[in-house]
C-alpha atoms as a PDB file:
ATOM      1  CA  MET A   1     113.334  -1.696 158.833  1.00  0.00           C
ATOM      2  CA  VAL A   2     115.147   1.566 158.156  1.00  0.00           C
ATOM      3  CA  ARG A   3     118.459   2.017 159.952  1.00  0.00           C
ATOM      4  CA  VAL A   4     119.608   5.547 160.778  1.00  0.00           C
ATOM      5  CA  ALA A   5     123.106   6.436 162.018  1.00  0.00           C
ATOM      6  CA  VAL A   6     123.665   9.734 163.809  1.00  0.00           C
ATOM      7  CA  LEU A   7     127.367  10.563 163.716  1.00  0.00           C
ATOM      8  CA  ASP A   8     129.706  12.557 165.924  1.00  0.00           C
ATOM      9  CA  ASP A   9     127.235  13.417 168.670  1.00  0.00           C
ATOM     10  CA  TYR A  10     130.087  14.557 170.914  1.00  0.00           C
ATOM     11  CA  GLN A  11     127.870  15.759 173.759  1.00  0.00           C
ATOM     12  CA  GLY A  12     125.374  12.876 173.576  1.00  0.00           C
ATOM     13  CA  VAL A  13     122.407  15.208 173.051  1.00  0.00           C
ATOM     14  CA  ALA A  14     121.075  14.357 169.571  1.00  0.00           C
ATOM     15  CA  LEU A  15     118.085  12.353 170.791  1.00  0.00           C
ATOM     16  CA  GLU A  16     116.938  15.045 173.237  1.00  0.00           C
ATOM     17  CA  MET A  17     117.191  17.914 170.749  1.00  0.00           C
ATOM     18  CA  ALA A  18     114.366  16.669 168.499  1.00  0.00           C
ATOM     19  CA  ASP A  19     111.344  14.364 168.539  1.00  0.00           C
ATOM     20  CA  TRP A  20     112.659  11.286 166.785  1.00  0.00           C
ATOM     21  CA  SER A  21     109.462   9.372 167.662  1.00  0.00           C
ATOM     22  CA  VAL A  22     107.713  10.936 164.659  1.00  0.00           C
ATOM     23  CA  LEU A  23     109.675   8.610 162.380  1.00  0.00           C
ATOM     24  CA  PRO A  24     107.973   5.349 161.314  1.00  0.00           C
ATOM     25  CA  ARG A  25     107.926   2.650 163.980  1.00  0.00           C
ATOM     26  CA  ASP A  26     110.242   0.397 162.020  1.00  0.00           C
ATOM     27  CA  THR A  27     112.983   3.061 162.047  1.00  0.00           C
ATOM     28  CA  ARG A  28     116.001   2.228 164.191  1.00  0.00           C
ATOM     29  CA  VAL A  29     118.195   5.179 165.194  1.00  0.00           C
ATOM     30  CA  GLN A  30     121.731   4.553 166.472  1.00  0.00           C
ATOM     31  CA  VAL A  31     123.819   7.409 167.837  1.00  0.00           C
ATOM     32  CA  PHE A  32     127.615   7.437 167.778  1.00  0.00           C
ATOM     33  CA  ARG A  33     129.369   9.858 170.124  1.00  0.00           C
ATOM     34  CA  ASP A  34     132.984   9.110 169.212  1.00  0.00           C
ATOM     35  CA  HIS A  35     134.709  10.456 166.124  1.00  0.00           C
ATOM     36  CA  LEU A  36     136.447   8.064 163.758  1.00  0.00           C
ATOM     37  CA  ALA A  37     139.248   9.561 161.701  1.00  0.00           C
ATOM     38  CA  SER A  38     139.847   6.508 159.510  1.00  0.00           C
ATOM     39  CA  ALA A  39     137.654   6.255 156.420  1.00  0.00           C
ATOM     40  CA  ASP A  40     137.897   2.460 156.616  1.00  0.00           C
ATOM     41  CA  ALA A  41     136.627   2.533 160.196  1.00  0.00           C
ATOM     42  CA  VAL A  42     133.762   4.833 159.213  1.00  0.00           C
ATOM     43  CA  ALA A  43     132.839   2.533 156.319  1.00  0.00           C
ATOM     44  CA  GLU A  44     132.822  -0.470 158.640  1.00  0.00           C
ATOM     45  CA  ARG A  45     130.670   1.350 161.194  1.00  0.00           C
ATOM     46  CA  LEU A  46     128.115   2.499 158.630  1.00  0.00           C
ATOM     47  CA  ARG A  47     127.736  -0.771 156.795  1.00  0.00           C
ATOM     48  CA  GLY A  48     124.033  -1.639 156.564  1.00  0.00           C
ATOM     49  CA  PHE A  49     122.700   1.830 157.396  1.00  0.00           C
ATOM     50  CA  ASP A  50     120.147   3.317 155.007  1.00  0.00           C
ATOM     51  CA  VAL A  51     120.353   6.864 156.398  1.00  0.00           C
ATOM     52  CA  VAL A  52     123.260   8.800 157.906  1.00  0.00           C
ATOM     53  CA  ALA A  53     122.905  12.095 159.772  1.00  0.00           C
ATOM     54  CA  ALA A  54     126.171  14.041 159.752  1.00  0.00           C
ATOM     55  CA  MET A  55     126.889  17.005 162.022  1.00  0.00           C
ATOM     56  CA  ARG A  56     128.527  19.767 159.997  1.00  0.00           C
ATOM     57  CA  GLU A  57     131.891  18.675 158.584  1.00  0.00           C
ATOM     58  CA  ARG A  58     132.998  16.421 161.393  1.00  0.00           C
ATOM     59  CA  THR A  59     133.112  13.320 159.168  1.00  0.00           C
ATOM     60  CA  PRO A  60     133.950  13.815 155.467  1.00  0.00           C
ATOM     61  CA  PHE A  61     132.054  11.822 152.842  1.00  0.00           C
ATOM     62  CA  ASP A  62     134.304  11.653 149.810  1.00  0.00           C
ATOM     63  CA  ARG A  63     133.941   9.438 146.762  1.00  0.00           C
ATOM     64  CA  GLY A  64     135.964   6.657 148.343  1.00  0.00           C
ATOM     65  CA  LEU A  65     133.856   6.416 151.478  1.00  0.00           C
ATOM     66  CA  LEU A  66     130.572   6.731 149.606  1.00  0.00           C
ATOM     67  CA  GLY A  67     131.667   3.900 147.338  1.00  0.00           C
ATOM     68  CA  HIS A  68     131.963   1.635 150.370  1.00  0.00           C
ATOM     69  CA  LEU A  69     128.419   2.348 151.557  1.00  0.00           C
ATOM     70  CA  PRO A  70     126.184   0.495 149.079  1.00  0.00           C
ATOM     71  CA  ASP A  71     123.176   0.556 151.444  1.00  0.00           C
ATOM     72  CA  LEU A  72     123.247   4.323 151.960  1.00  0.00           C
ATOM     73  CA  ARG A  73     120.229   6.065 150.447  1.00  0.00           C
ATOM     74  CA  LEU A  74     119.996   9.350 152.372  1.00  0.00           C
ATOM     75  CA  LEU A  75     122.761  11.539 153.792  1.00  0.00           C
ATOM     76  CA  VAL A  76     121.564  14.466 155.904  1.00  0.00           C
ATOM     77  CA  THR A  77     124.009  17.218 156.745  1.00  0.00           C
ATOM     78  CA  THR A  78     123.333  20.028 159.161  1.00  0.00           C
ATOM     79  CA  ALA A  79     123.265  23.382 157.341  1.00  0.00           C
ATOM     80  CA  MET A  80     122.639  23.816 153.621  1.00  0.00           C
ATOM     81  CA  ALA A  81     126.247  23.370 152.535  1.00  0.00           C
ATOM     82  CA  ASN A  82     128.952  20.925 153.504  1.00  0.00           C
ATOM     83  CA  ALA A  83     132.328  21.163 151.782  1.00  0.00           C
ATOM     84  CA  SER A  84     133.305  17.713 153.060  1.00  0.00           C
ATOM     85  CA  ILE A  85     130.564  15.920 151.108  1.00  0.00           C
ATOM     86  CA  ASP A  86     131.305  15.015 147.490  1.00  0.00           C
ATOM     87  CA  LEU A  87     127.927  15.933 146.010  1.00  0.00           C
ATOM     88  CA  ASP A  88     128.872  14.784 142.532  1.00  0.00           C
ATOM     89  CA  ALA A  89     129.845  11.338 143.787  1.00  0.00           C
ATOM     90  CA  ALA A  90     126.709  11.095 145.926  1.00  0.00           C
ATOM     91  CA  THR A  91     124.578  11.975 142.909  1.00  0.00           C
ATOM     92  CA  GLU A  92     126.314   9.408 140.689  1.00  0.00           C
ATOM     93  CA  MET A  93     125.737   6.733 143.345  1.00  0.00           C
ATOM     94  CA  GLY A  94     122.097   7.663 143.858  1.00  0.00           C
ATOM     95  CA  VAL A  95     122.553   8.946 147.394  1.00  0.00           C
ATOM     96  CA  LEU A  96     120.152  11.760 148.235  1.00  0.00           C
ATOM     97  CA  VAL A  97     121.759  14.587 150.214  1.00  0.00           C
ATOM     98  CA  CYS A  98     119.589  16.941 152.259  1.00  0.00           C
ATOM     99  CA  GLY A  99     120.464  19.852 154.525  1.00  0.00           C
ATOM    100  CA  THR A 100     118.958  21.788 157.391  1.00  0.00           C
ATOM    101  CA  ARG A 101     118.455  25.357 158.416  1.00  0.00           C
ATOM    102  CA  GLY A 102     120.877  26.953 160.857  1.00  0.00           C
ATOM    103  CA  LEU A 103     121.403  29.967 163.071  1.00  0.00           C
ATOM    104  CA  GLY A 104     123.912  32.660 162.175  1.00  0.00           C
ATOM    105  CA  TYR A 105     124.415  34.488 165.431  1.00  0.00           C
ATOM    106  CA  PRO A 106     126.104  31.845 167.673  1.00  0.00           C
ATOM    107  CA  THR A 107     129.405  32.020 165.782  1.00  0.00           C
ATOM    108  CA  ALA A 108     129.442  35.814 165.929  1.00  0.00           C
ATOM    109  CA  GLU A 109     128.876  35.624 169.684  1.00  0.00           C
ATOM    110  CA  LEU A 110     131.712  33.139 170.141  1.00  0.00           C
ATOM    111  CA  THR A 111     134.005  35.391 168.115  1.00  0.00           C
ATOM    112  CA  TRP A 112     133.627  38.078 170.766  1.00  0.00           C
ATOM    113  CA  GLY A 113     134.069  35.510 173.513  1.00  0.00           C
ATOM    114  CA  LEU A 114     137.476  34.683 172.039  1.00  0.00           C
ATOM    115  CA  VAL A 115     138.373  38.359 171.664  1.00  0.00           C
ATOM    116  CA  LEU A 116     137.530  39.177 175.275  1.00  0.00           C
ATOM    117  CA  ALA A 117     139.196  36.029 176.583  1.00  0.00           C
ATOM    118  CA  LEU A 118     142.417  37.003 174.812  1.00  0.00           C
ATOM    119  CA  LEU A 119     142.539  40.700 175.585  1.00  0.00           C
ATOM    120  CA  ARG A 120     141.372  40.425 179.200  1.00  0.00           C
ATOM    121  CA  HIS A 121     143.301  37.202 179.909  1.00  0.00           C
ATOM    122  CA  ILE A 122     140.175  35.508 181.206  1.00  0.00           C
ATOM    123  CA  PRO A 123     141.456  31.886 181.080  1.00  0.00           C
ATOM    124  CA  GLN A 124     144.688  32.836 182.882  1.00  0.00           C
ATOM    125  CA  GLU A 125     142.934  34.911 185.531  1.00  0.00           C
ATOM    126  CA  ASP A 126     140.337  32.206 186.153  1.00  0.00           C
ATOM    127  CA  ALA A 127     143.100  29.648 186.727  1.00  0.00           C
ATOM    128  CA  ALA A 128     145.114  32.063 188.878  1.00  0.00           C
ATOM    129  CA  THR A 129     142.133  32.973 191.065  1.00  0.00           C
ATOM    130  CA  ARG A 130     141.394  29.299 191.711  1.00  0.00           C
ATOM    131  CA  GLN A 131     145.033  28.884 192.767  1.00  0.00           C
ATOM    132  CA  GLY A 132     144.807  31.702 195.308  1.00  0.00           C
ATOM    133  CA  HIS A 133     146.365  34.500 193.238  1.00  0.00           C
ATOM    134  CA  TRP A 134     144.806  37.900 192.624  1.00  0.00           C
ATOM    135  CA  GLN A 135     145.167  40.163 189.567  1.00  0.00           C
ATOM    136  CA  THR A 136     148.145  38.685 187.770  1.00  0.00           C
ATOM    137  CA  THR A 137     147.737  40.322 184.335  1.00  0.00           C
ATOM    138  CA  VAL A 138     146.887  43.673 182.774  1.00  0.00           C
ATOM    139  CA  GLY A 139     144.228  43.556 180.081  1.00  0.00           C
ATOM    140  CA  ILE A 140     143.633  45.600 176.946  1.00  0.00           C
ATOM    141  CA  GLY A 141     140.438  47.526 176.157  1.00  0.00           C
ATOM    142  CA  LEU A 142     138.532  47.556 172.878  1.00  0.00           C
ATOM    143  CA  GLN A 143     137.347  51.133 172.605  1.00  0.00           C
ATOM    144  CA  GLY A 144     139.285  53.106 170.017  1.00  0.00           C
ATOM    145  CA  LYS A 145     140.988  50.014 168.592  1.00  0.00           C
ATOM    146  CA  VAL A 146     140.737  48.954 164.950  1.00  0.00           C
ATOM    147  CA  LEU A 147     138.708  45.866 164.138  1.00  0.00           C
ATOM    148  CA  GLY A 148     139.515  44.280 160.793  1.00  0.00           C
ATOM    149  CA  VAL A 149     136.872  41.970 159.366  1.00  0.00           C
ATOM    150  CA  MET A 150     137.794  39.613 156.557  1.00  0.00           C
ATOM    151  CA  GLY A 151     134.486  38.903 154.886  1.00  0.00           C
ATOM    152  CA  LEU A 152     131.371  40.984 155.500  1.00  0.00           C
ATOM    153  CA  GLY A 153     128.645  38.414 154.935  1.00  0.00           C
ATOM    154  CA  ARG A 154     126.035  37.281 157.444  1.00  0.00           C
ATOM    155  CA  LEU A 155     128.553  36.551 160.196  1.00  0.00           C
ATOM    156  CA  GLY A 156     131.149  39.192 159.404  1.00  0.00           C
ATOM    157  CA  SER A 157     128.541  41.943 159.397  1.00  0.00           C
ATOM    158  CA  GLN A 158     127.301  40.875 162.839  1.00  0.00           C
ATOM    159  CA  VAL A 159     130.840  40.902 164.196  1.00  0.00           C
ATOM    160  CA  ALA A 160     131.390  44.339 162.652  1.00  0.00           C
ATOM    161  CA  SER A 161     128.240  45.750 164.273  1.00  0.00           C
ATOM    162  CA  ILE A 162     129.269  44.471 167.691  1.00  0.00           C
ATOM    163  CA  GLY A 163     132.723  45.947 167.215  1.00  0.00           C
ATOM    164  CA  ALA A 164     131.174  49.319 166.480  1.00  0.00           C
ATOM    165  CA  ALA A 165     129.086  49.000 169.653  1.00  0.00           C
ATOM    166  CA  PHE A 166     132.336  48.564 171.576  1.00  0.00           C
ATOM    167  CA  GLY A 167     133.504  51.870 170.129  1.00  0.00           C
ATOM    168  CA  MET A 168     135.941  50.345 167.661  1.00  0.00           C
ATOM    169  CA  SER A 169     136.813  51.600 164.192  1.00  0.00           C
ATOM    170  CA  VAL A 170     135.826  48.849 161.757  1.00  0.00           C
ATOM    171  CA  ILE A 171     137.533  48.138 158.448  1.00  0.00           C
ATOM    172  CA  ALA A 172     136.918  45.230 156.095  1.00  0.00           C
ATOM    173  CA  TRP A 173     138.182  43.423 153.017  1.00  0.00           C
ATOM    174  CA  SER A 174     137.354  40.366 150.985  1.00  0.00           C
ATOM    175  CA  GLN A 175     137.891  39.486 147.364  1.00  0.00           C
ATOM    176  CA  ASN A 176     134.464  40.649 146.172  1.00  0.00           C
ATOM    177  CA  LEU A 177     133.581  43.170 148.856  1.00  0.00           C
ATOM    178  CA  THR A 178     132.187  46.484 147.602  1.00  0.00           C
ATOM    179  CA  ALA A 179     132.041  49.979 149.057  1.00  0.00           C
ATOM    180  CA  GLU A 180     128.246  49.793 148.828  1.00  0.00           C
ATOM    181  CA  ARG A 181     128.230  46.729 151.086  1.00  0.00           C
ATOM    182  CA  THR A 182     130.609  48.199 153.667  1.00  0.00           C
ATOM    183  CA  ALA A 183     128.705  51.489 153.750  1.00  0.00           C
ATOM    184  CA  LYS A 184     125.545  49.583 154.669  1.00  0.00           C
ATOM    185  CA  PHE A 185     127.194  48.604 157.958  1.00  0.00           C
ATOM    186  CA  GLY A 186     129.184  51.757 158.593  1.00  0.00           C
ATOM    187  CA  VAL A 187     132.421  49.932 157.790  1.00  0.00           C
ATOM    188  CA  THR A 188     135.403  51.261 155.789  1.00  0.00           C
ATOM    189  CA  LEU A 189     136.516  49.218 152.787  1.00  0.00           C
ATOM    190  CA  VAL A 190     140.304  48.818 152.597  1.00  0.00           C
ATOM    191  CA  ALA A 191     142.818  46.872 150.540  1.00  0.00           C
ATOM    192  CA  LYS A 192     143.944  43.465 151.766  1.00  0.00           C
ATOM    193  CA  ASP A 193     147.394  44.568 152.937  1.00  0.00           C
ATOM    194  CA  GLU A 194     145.930  47.575 154.728  1.00  0.00           C
ATOM    195  CA  LEU A 195     143.521  45.298 156.569  1.00  0.00           C
ATOM    196  CA  PHE A 196     146.424  43.316 158.021  1.00  0.00           C
ATOM    197  CA  ALA A 197     148.608  46.336 158.720  1.00  0.00           C
ATOM    198  CA  ARG A 198     145.989  48.431 160.515  1.00  0.00           C
ATOM    199  CA  SER A 199     143.959  45.882 162.468  1.00  0.00           C
ATOM    200  CA  ASP A 200     144.385  45.536 166.210  1.00  0.00           C
ATOM    201  CA  ILE A 201     142.019  42.592 166.010  1.00  0.00           C
ATOM    202  CA  LEU A 202     141.594  40.727 162.724  1.00  0.00           C
ATOM    203  CA  SER A 203     138.602  38.379 162.524  1.00  0.00           C
ATOM    204  CA  ILE A 204     138.092  35.928 159.656  1.00  0.00           C
ATOM    205  CA  HIS A 205     134.603  35.261 158.267  1.00  0.00           C
ATOM    206  CA  LEU A 206     135.032  33.575 154.894  1.00  0.00           C
ATOM    207  CA  ARG A 207     133.881  30.309 153.379  1.00  0.00           C
ATOM    208  CA  LEU A 208     136.603  27.742 152.737  1.00  0.00           C
ATOM    209  CA  SER A 209     137.251  27.319 149.015  1.00  0.00           C
ATOM    210  CA  ASP A 210     140.143  26.936 146.605  1.00  0.00           C
ATOM    211  CA  ARG A 211     140.359  30.724 146.596  1.00  0.00           C
ATOM    212  CA  THR A 212     140.507  31.128 150.368  1.00  0.00           C
ATOM    213  CA  THR A 213     142.649  28.139 151.353  1.00  0.00           C
ATOM    214  CA  GLY A 214     145.946  29.511 152.655  1.00  0.00           C
ATOM    215  CA  LEU A 215     144.745  33.071 152.116  1.00  0.00           C
ATOM    216  CA  VAL A 216     146.371  34.143 155.380  1.00  0.00           C
ATOM    217  CA  GLY A 217     150.009  33.119 155.154  1.00  0.00           C
ATOM    218  CA  ALA A 218     153.408  34.201 156.394  1.00  0.00           C
ATOM    219  CA  ARG A 219     153.365  37.349 154.254  1.00  0.00           C
ATOM    220  CA  GLU A 220     150.012  38.501 155.588  1.00  0.00           C
ATOM    221  CA  LEU A 221     150.881  37.680 159.186  1.00  0.00           C
ATOM    222  CA  GLY A 222     154.135  39.609 158.709  1.00  0.00           C
ATOM    223  CA  LEU A 223     152.117  42.739 157.925  1.00  0.00           C
ATOM    224  CA  MET A 224     150.338  42.635 161.288  1.00  0.00           C
ATOM    225  CA  LYS A 225     151.353  44.668 164.319  1.00  0.00           C
ATOM    226  CA  PRO A 226     153.178  42.784 167.099  1.00  0.00           C
ATOM    227  CA  THR A 227     150.322  43.942 169.356  1.00  0.00           C
ATOM    228  CA  ALA A 228     147.583  42.559 167.064  1.00  0.00           C
ATOM    229  CA  TYR A 229     145.401  39.509 167.545  1.00  0.00           C
ATOM    230  CA  LEU A 230     144.024  37.054 164.977  1.00  0.00           C
ATOM    231  CA  ILE A 231     140.607  35.420 165.432  1.00  0.00           C
ATOM    232  CA  ASN A 232     139.454  32.495 163.300  1.00  0.00           C
ATOM    233  CA  THR A 233     135.979  31.032 163.718  1.00  0.00           C
ATOM    234  CA  SER A 234     135.561  30.159 160.017  1.00  0.00           C
ATOM    235  CA  ARG A 235     137.739  27.256 158.826  1.00  0.00           C
ATOM    236  CA  GLY A 236     141.260  26.274 159.835  1.00  0.00           C
ATOM    237  CA  PRO A 237     142.825  25.945 156.361  1.00  0.00           C
ATOM    238  CA  ILE A 238     142.087  29.584 155.518  1.00  0.00           C
ATOM    239  CA  VAL A 239     145.153  30.318 157.651  1.00  0.00           C
ATOM    240  CA  ASP A 240     148.522  28.691 156.974  1.00  0.00           C
ATOM    241  CA  GLU A 241     148.808  26.820 160.247  1.00  0.00           C
ATOM    242  CA  ALA A 242     152.591  26.471 160.224  1.00  0.00           C
ATOM    243  CA  ALA A 243     153.019  30.182 159.515  1.00  0.00           C
ATOM    244  CA  LEU A 244     150.643  31.097 162.329  1.00  0.00           C
ATOM    245  CA  ILE A 245     152.446  28.870 164.811  1.00  0.00           C
ATOM    246  CA  GLN A 246     155.753  30.476 163.858  1.00  0.00           C
ATOM    247  CA  ALA A 247     154.303  33.984 164.217  1.00  0.00           C
ATOM    248  CA  LEU A 248     152.884  33.152 167.645  1.00  0.00           C
ATOM    249  CA  GLN A 249     156.089  31.523 168.847  1.00  0.00           C
ATOM    250  CA  ALA A 250     158.129  34.533 167.708  1.00  0.00           C
ATOM    251  CA  ARG A 251     155.596  36.973 169.220  1.00  0.00           C
ATOM    252  CA  ALA A 252     155.323  38.552 165.784  1.00  0.00           C
ATOM    253  CA  ILE A 253     151.657  38.939 166.709  1.00  0.00           C
ATOM    254  CA  ALA A 254     150.281  39.154 170.232  1.00  0.00           C
ATOM    255  CA  GLY A 255     147.989  36.148 170.122  1.00  0.00           C
ATOM    256  CA  ALA A 256     145.247  34.170 168.422  1.00  0.00           C
ATOM    257  CA  GLY A 257     141.749  33.004 169.307  1.00  0.00           C
ATOM    258  CA  LEU A 258     141.009  29.842 167.345  1.00  0.00           C
ATOM    259  CA  ASP A 259     137.842  27.782 167.089  1.00  0.00           C
ATOM    260  CA  VAL A 260     138.801  25.906 163.913  1.00  0.00           C
ATOM    261  CA  PHE A 261     141.818  23.874 162.868  1.00  0.00           C
ATOM    262  CA  ASP A 262     143.295  21.970 159.940  1.00  0.00           C
ATOM    263  CA  GLU A 263     142.633  18.681 161.725  1.00  0.00           C
ATOM    264  CA  GLU A 264     139.653  18.270 164.015  1.00  0.00           C
ATOM    265  CA  PRO A 265     139.546  17.150 166.753  1.00  0.00           C
ATOM    266  CA  LEU A 266     142.869  18.839 167.435  1.00  0.00           C
ATOM    267  CA  PRO A 267     145.626  16.221 167.931  1.00  0.00           C
ATOM    268  CA  PRO A 268     146.785  15.810 171.560  1.00  0.00           C
ATOM    269  CA  ASP A 269     150.360  16.953 170.879  1.00  0.00           C
ATOM    270  CA  HIS A 270     149.521  19.911 168.637  1.00  0.00           C
ATOM    271  CA  ALA A 271     151.794  22.947 168.892  1.00  0.00           C
ATOM    272  CA  PHE A 272     148.854  25.290 169.533  1.00  0.00           C
ATOM    273  CA  LYS A 273     148.350  23.627 172.905  1.00  0.00           C
ATOM    274  CA  ARG A 274     151.875  24.536 173.993  1.00  0.00           C
ATOM    275  CA  LEU A 275     151.488  28.248 173.292  1.00  0.00           C
ATOM    276  CA  ASP A 276     150.536  30.665 176.061  1.00  0.00           C
ATOM    277  CA  ASN A 277     149.227  33.334 173.687  1.00  0.00           C
ATOM    278  CA  THR A 278     146.298  31.372 172.279  1.00  0.00           C
ATOM    279  CA  VAL A 279     142.730  30.722 173.376  1.00  0.00           C
ATOM    280  CA  LEU A 280     141.474  27.492 171.814  1.00  0.00           C
ATOM    281  CA  THR A 281     137.904  26.202 171.553  1.00  0.00           C
ATOM    282  CA  PRO A 282     136.815  22.937 169.865  1.00  0.00           C
ATOM    283  CA  HIS A 283     134.793  24.297 166.914  1.00  0.00           C
ATOM    284  CA  LEU A 284     132.038  25.625 169.156  1.00  0.00           C
ATOM    285  CA  GLY A 285     130.874  28.456 166.908  1.00  0.00           C
ATOM    286  CA  TYR A 286     127.581  26.783 166.008  1.00  0.00           C
ATOM    287  CA  VAL A 287     127.242  24.705 169.193  1.00  0.00           C
ATOM    288  CA  THR A 288     124.313  26.091 171.166  1.00  0.00           C
ATOM    289  CA  ARG A 289     121.096  24.457 172.335  1.00  0.00           C
ATOM    290  CA  GLU A 290     119.116  26.720 170.051  1.00  0.00           C
ATOM    291  CA  GLY A 291     121.273  25.776 167.089  1.00  0.00           C
ATOM    292  CA  TYR A 292     121.161  22.064 167.828  1.00  0.00           C
ATOM    293  CA  GLU A 293     117.370  22.116 168.131  1.00  0.00           C
ATOM    294  CA  VAL A 294     117.189  23.541 164.614  1.00  0.00           C
ATOM    295  CA  PHE A 295     119.798  21.140 163.237  1.00  0.00           C
ATOM    296  CA  TYR A 296     118.371  17.948 164.709  1.00  0.00           C
ATOM    297  CA  GLY A 297     114.750  19.018 164.315  1.00  0.00           C
ATOM    298  CA  ASP A 298     115.284  19.582 160.606  1.00  0.00           C
ATOM    299  CA  THR A 299     117.246  16.334 160.360  1.00  0.00           C
ATOM    300  CA  VAL A 300     114.226  14.417 161.628  1.00  0.00           C
ATOM    301  CA  GLU A 301     111.991  16.316 159.198  1.00  0.00           C
ATOM    302  CA  ASP A 302     114.342  15.477 156.330  1.00  0.00           C
ATOM    303  CA  ILE A 303     114.332  11.775 157.168  1.00  0.00           C
ATOM    304  CA  ALA A 304     110.531  11.653 157.558  1.00  0.00           C
ATOM    305  CA  ALA A 305     110.008  13.492 154.268  1.00  0.00           C
ATOM    306  CA  TYR A 306     112.394  11.142 152.455  1.00  0.00           C
ATOM    307  CA  LEU A 307     110.605   8.080 153.813  1.00  0.00           C
ATOM    308  CA  ARG A 308     107.319   9.537 152.511  1.00  0.00           C
ATOM    309  CA  GLY A 309     108.914   9.914 149.088  1.00  0.00           C
ATOM    310  CA  GLN A 310     108.754  13.718 149.245  1.00  0.00           C
ATOM    311  CA  PRO A 311     112.287  14.872 150.148  1.00  0.00           C
ATOM    312  CA  ILE A 312     112.867  18.438 151.330  1.00  0.00           C
ATOM    313  CA  ARG A 313     115.893  20.753 151.615  1.00  0.00           C
ATOM    314  CA  VAL A 314     117.570  18.760 148.854  1.00  0.00           C
ATOM    315  CA  LEU A 315     121.175  19.505 147.848  1.00  0.00           C
ATOM    316  CA  ASN A 316     121.285  17.237 144.773  1.00  0.00           C
ATOM    317  CA  PRO A 317     117.896  17.645 143.041  1.00  0.00           C
ATOM    318  CA  SER A 318     118.411  15.043 140.310  1.00  0.00           C
ATOM    319  CA  VAL A 319     118.403  12.265 142.922  1.00  0.00           C
ATOM    320  CA  ALA A 320     115.304  13.744 144.536  1.00  0.00           C
ATOM    321  CA  GLN A 321     113.454  13.405 141.235  1.00  0.00           C
ATOM    322  CA  ARG A 322     114.175   9.681 141.252  1.00  0.00           C
ATOM    323  CA  VAL A 323     112.980   9.381 144.868  1.00  0.00           C
ATOM    324  CA  ARG A 324     109.730  11.172 144.068  1.00  0.00           C
ATOM    325  CA  GLY A 325     109.275   8.991 140.976  1.00  0.00           C
ATOM    326  CA  ARG A 326     109.569   5.826 143.060  1.00  0.00           C
ATOM    327  CA  SER A 327     106.907   7.086 145.493  1.00  0.00           C
ATOM    328  CA  ARG A 328     104.240   7.537 142.816  1.00  0.00           C
END
């Protein structure tokens, strides 16, 4: 019997998003909806499982945790990269790691949901209307404003194009961004400090790495206009959380739309929840039915291929060679 654990299925939808019945009959799939923050608790839960399916970076698999999972043979992560998995440790321990395809557009769409919610005060007006009030705020329009995009990759370029459709002037910066790249999207390349100083809305679209951790700190936030808004749908640690809280409390910037945080799920007593100039969403950028169907569908394919001895979408090829060798 092959035991499969599906982790962090917050909405309880994993089994309906794919056809798990294609797996061999002796496969037993167990879904866990709750998130465990303790590595010891995760290790206890996963004891005896041969396969683990992880959703994005909700549960980290570092060397310590992997070392406590001697039965683990296959770790599937949604998407083709997961910074919270120690690939080197997995390879040393003979754990095959496979990924899935993903959709790029849902996060770009949510970015604009956060922008509009902030500038048009949608959460406040929804609550006020339900309480019997009528038109309690004055919103801000997008046309003619400056959109600053930090990172002009697959997501950043989509956000930039939508900003242009709103009639915004779009500027961009990242450490390796070129004028050739920005010209392709009708965007103006600027220096980092100019990006912060000129943007009315600054949206972050970078991968988390040693180079980008803490990239937006007190100095950068201090360059922003008091009327400017910060949007982060990438990763929480790119922004110095303490510095952002201080800037929001002091009204040094007008507000922030945040989908990602240093600690997820966000702790109940977190300072962000006490601020009236934030719109907060629980890392929903990739969470759509269409996206989940791709994630879980590919997860099932990955597991089936592994069990046939022909792994696909492999992230640590040297382990895959051993798996294929055993199947011959």
